Protein backbone atom coordinates (compact mmCIF):
# COMPACT_ATOMS: atom_id res chain seq x y z
CA MET A 1 -20.42 61.25 -24.15
CA ALA A 2 -22.26 58.13 -25.18
CA GLU A 3 -25.89 58.24 -25.82
CA LYS A 4 -27.59 56.71 -22.85
CA GLY A 5 -30.92 56.26 -24.48
CA GLY A 6 -31.96 53.21 -26.67
CA VAL A 7 -29.58 50.25 -27.32
CA GLY A 8 -26.28 50.05 -25.55
CA PHE A 9 -24.47 48.72 -28.58
CA ARG A 10 -23.04 49.96 -31.87
CA MET A 11 -21.37 48.44 -34.72
CA GLY A 12 -18.84 49.88 -37.22
CA ILE A 13 -17.43 48.47 -40.57
CA GLY A 14 -14.00 49.49 -41.85
CA TYR A 15 -12.41 49.14 -45.23
CA ASP A 16 -8.78 50.25 -46.45
CA ALA A 17 -6.83 49.36 -49.46
CA HIS A 18 -3.29 50.49 -50.66
CA ARG A 19 -1.09 49.59 -53.57
CA MET A 20 2.25 47.87 -53.13
CA GLY A 21 5.41 49.64 -53.81
CA ASP A 22 9.18 49.15 -53.54
CA ASP A 23 11.43 50.50 -50.74
CA ARG A 24 8.77 50.31 -48.08
CA PRO A 25 8.37 47.59 -45.25
CA LEU A 26 5.19 45.59 -45.22
CA ILE A 27 3.50 46.23 -42.21
CA LEU A 28 0.28 44.58 -41.36
CA GLY A 29 -1.55 44.64 -37.85
CA GLY A 30 1.58 46.32 -36.51
CA VAL A 31 3.71 43.44 -37.55
CA LYS A 32 6.63 43.51 -40.21
CA VAL A 33 5.88 40.78 -42.57
CA PRO A 34 9.04 39.77 -44.91
CA HIS A 35 8.18 40.55 -48.51
CA PRO A 36 9.88 42.25 -51.33
CA GLN A 37 7.49 45.16 -51.45
CA GLY A 38 5.43 47.01 -48.90
CA LEU A 39 2.33 49.26 -48.90
CA LEU A 40 2.48 52.97 -50.34
CA GLY A 41 0.70 55.59 -48.07
CA HIS A 42 1.11 58.60 -46.12
CA SER A 43 1.57 56.67 -42.71
CA ASP A 44 3.12 53.17 -42.61
CA ALA A 45 0.04 52.16 -44.76
CA ASP A 46 -1.08 49.50 -42.49
CA VAL A 47 -4.48 48.68 -44.11
CA LEU A 48 -5.60 46.33 -41.27
CA VAL A 49 -5.02 48.81 -38.56
CA HIS A 50 -6.71 51.53 -40.79
CA ALA A 51 -9.66 49.34 -41.33
CA ILE A 52 -10.01 48.97 -37.85
CA CYS A 53 -9.82 52.52 -37.09
CA ASP A 54 -12.41 53.30 -39.55
CA ALA A 55 -14.71 50.49 -38.05
CA LEU A 56 -14.01 51.99 -34.69
CA LEU A 57 -14.83 55.67 -35.71
CA GLY A 58 -17.89 54.79 -37.56
CA GLY A 59 -19.30 52.98 -34.73
CA ILE A 60 -19.20 56.11 -32.81
CA SER A 61 -20.39 58.24 -35.58
CA GLN A 62 -17.17 60.07 -35.91
CA GLY A 63 -16.43 59.79 -39.43
CA ASP A 64 -13.20 57.98 -40.79
CA ILE A 65 -9.37 58.00 -40.40
CA GLY A 66 -9.04 60.82 -42.98
CA ARG A 67 -11.12 63.20 -40.94
CA HIS A 68 -8.97 62.56 -37.88
CA PHE A 69 -5.52 61.94 -39.25
CA PRO A 70 -5.41 63.66 -42.99
CA ASP A 71 -2.63 62.74 -45.32
CA SER A 72 -2.03 66.47 -45.83
CA ASP A 73 -0.84 66.79 -42.35
CA PRO A 74 3.07 66.06 -42.27
CA GLN A 75 2.87 65.19 -38.58
CA TYR A 76 1.28 61.70 -39.66
CA ARG A 77 4.01 61.13 -42.38
CA ASP A 78 5.46 57.56 -41.87
CA MET A 79 3.59 57.30 -38.59
CA GLU A 80 3.06 53.81 -37.11
CA SER A 81 -0.55 53.16 -37.50
CA LEU A 82 -0.66 51.52 -33.93
CA LEU A 83 0.00 55.11 -32.66
CA LEU A 84 -3.16 56.36 -34.55
CA LEU A 85 -5.07 53.37 -33.24
CA GLN A 86 -3.94 54.30 -29.67
CA LYS A 87 -5.48 57.82 -30.44
CA VAL A 88 -8.76 56.56 -31.98
CA VAL A 89 -9.14 54.20 -28.66
CA GLU A 90 -8.81 57.47 -26.71
CA LEU A 91 -11.56 59.14 -28.70
CA ILE A 92 -14.08 56.09 -28.21
CA GLU A 93 -13.37 55.83 -24.57
CA LYS A 94 -13.70 59.66 -24.01
CA ARG A 95 -17.24 59.29 -25.87
CA GLY A 96 -18.19 56.51 -23.12
CA PHE A 97 -17.78 53.44 -25.44
CA GLY A 98 -15.75 50.20 -24.85
CA VAL A 99 -14.93 47.68 -27.47
CA ILE A 100 -16.69 44.08 -27.28
CA ASN A 101 -14.78 42.63 -30.27
CA ILE A 102 -13.09 43.01 -33.53
CA ASP A 103 -13.27 40.85 -36.35
CA ALA A 104 -10.97 41.75 -39.50
CA THR A 105 -10.03 40.20 -42.90
CA ILE A 106 -6.93 40.82 -45.02
CA VAL A 107 -7.31 40.24 -48.66
CA ALA A 108 -3.90 39.54 -50.33
CA GLN A 109 -2.55 37.24 -53.01
CA ALA A 110 0.92 37.30 -51.34
CA PRO A 111 2.62 36.77 -49.04
CA ARG A 112 1.17 33.93 -47.05
CA LEU A 113 -0.07 35.63 -43.92
CA ALA A 114 -1.43 32.84 -41.81
CA PRO A 115 1.97 32.53 -39.76
CA TYR A 116 1.80 36.32 -38.81
CA LEU A 117 -2.02 36.39 -37.93
CA PRO A 118 -1.53 35.66 -34.07
CA GLN A 119 1.12 38.39 -33.81
CA MET A 120 -1.28 40.91 -35.56
CA GLU A 121 -4.12 39.95 -33.17
CA ALA A 122 -1.70 40.31 -30.18
CA ALA A 123 -0.31 43.70 -31.11
CA ILE A 124 -3.56 44.91 -31.77
CA ALA A 125 -5.26 43.71 -28.66
CA GLU A 126 -2.16 45.20 -26.70
CA THR A 127 -2.48 48.54 -28.31
CA MET A 128 -6.04 48.56 -27.44
CA GLY A 129 -5.75 47.47 -24.01
CA LEU A 130 -7.89 44.49 -24.71
CA GLU A 131 -7.74 40.64 -24.17
CA LYS A 132 -6.15 38.86 -27.04
CA GLY A 133 -9.33 36.72 -27.66
CA VAL A 134 -11.32 39.95 -28.35
CA VAL A 135 -9.52 40.58 -31.77
CA ASN A 136 -9.87 38.12 -34.64
CA VAL A 137 -7.74 38.64 -37.79
CA LYS A 138 -8.24 36.50 -40.85
CA ALA A 139 -6.53 36.21 -44.34
CA THR A 140 -7.75 35.32 -47.70
CA THR A 141 -6.87 35.61 -51.33
CA THR A 142 -9.12 36.48 -54.31
CA GLU A 143 -7.87 33.45 -56.33
CA GLY A 144 -6.08 35.76 -58.76
CA LEU A 145 -8.95 38.20 -59.26
CA GLY A 146 -8.82 42.10 -59.07
CA PHE A 147 -5.99 44.27 -57.88
CA THR A 148 -5.24 42.15 -54.84
CA GLY A 149 -5.08 38.95 -56.90
CA ARG A 150 -2.74 40.52 -59.29
CA GLY A 151 -0.29 41.54 -56.36
CA GLU A 152 -0.99 45.11 -57.10
CA GLY A 153 -2.17 45.87 -53.63
CA ILE A 154 -3.65 44.69 -50.21
CA ALA A 155 -7.03 45.23 -48.74
CA ALA A 156 -8.67 44.80 -45.19
CA TYR A 157 -12.25 44.76 -43.93
CA ALA A 158 -12.92 45.19 -40.08
CA VAL A 159 -16.20 44.92 -38.23
CA VAL A 160 -16.49 46.24 -34.56
CA LEU A 161 -18.92 45.80 -31.88
CA LEU A 162 -19.02 48.53 -29.23
CA GLU A 163 -20.96 48.96 -25.95
CA VAL A 164 -22.03 51.99 -23.79
CA ARG A 165 -19.82 51.87 -20.65
């Protein structure tokens, strides 16, 4: 149950990063993006959705995605991250919160993600039962700096605003 006293809003921030690897599809925001490598991880390694899940869980003071969906549990092996997001949405709704908006950034040197961002926003919004305009996804590079700049991995950040319902 949501706290009824005090301010009726909560914020959460999420971050995730995964390394690139062969023989995996690149899934970002629930969208398969053409690229010779994908992200390595226990589930489908969708860093964008994982960052959003962490932001939502943080906003309701419920830890992070690893607490709820541990990589030591075989039932989450290769699972679509949008299914994990559905479970997180059920949890925040059960606790009496609703999403006002989501703002997220993917950090990747390659591939070029701009053409896929509207599809990602739509997939996330649909999964969460939100209007499309509530979800904003951006992409940026690091101008060749760091692990993302060298193409070794992809990272994502997400911020959410929640309200007591």
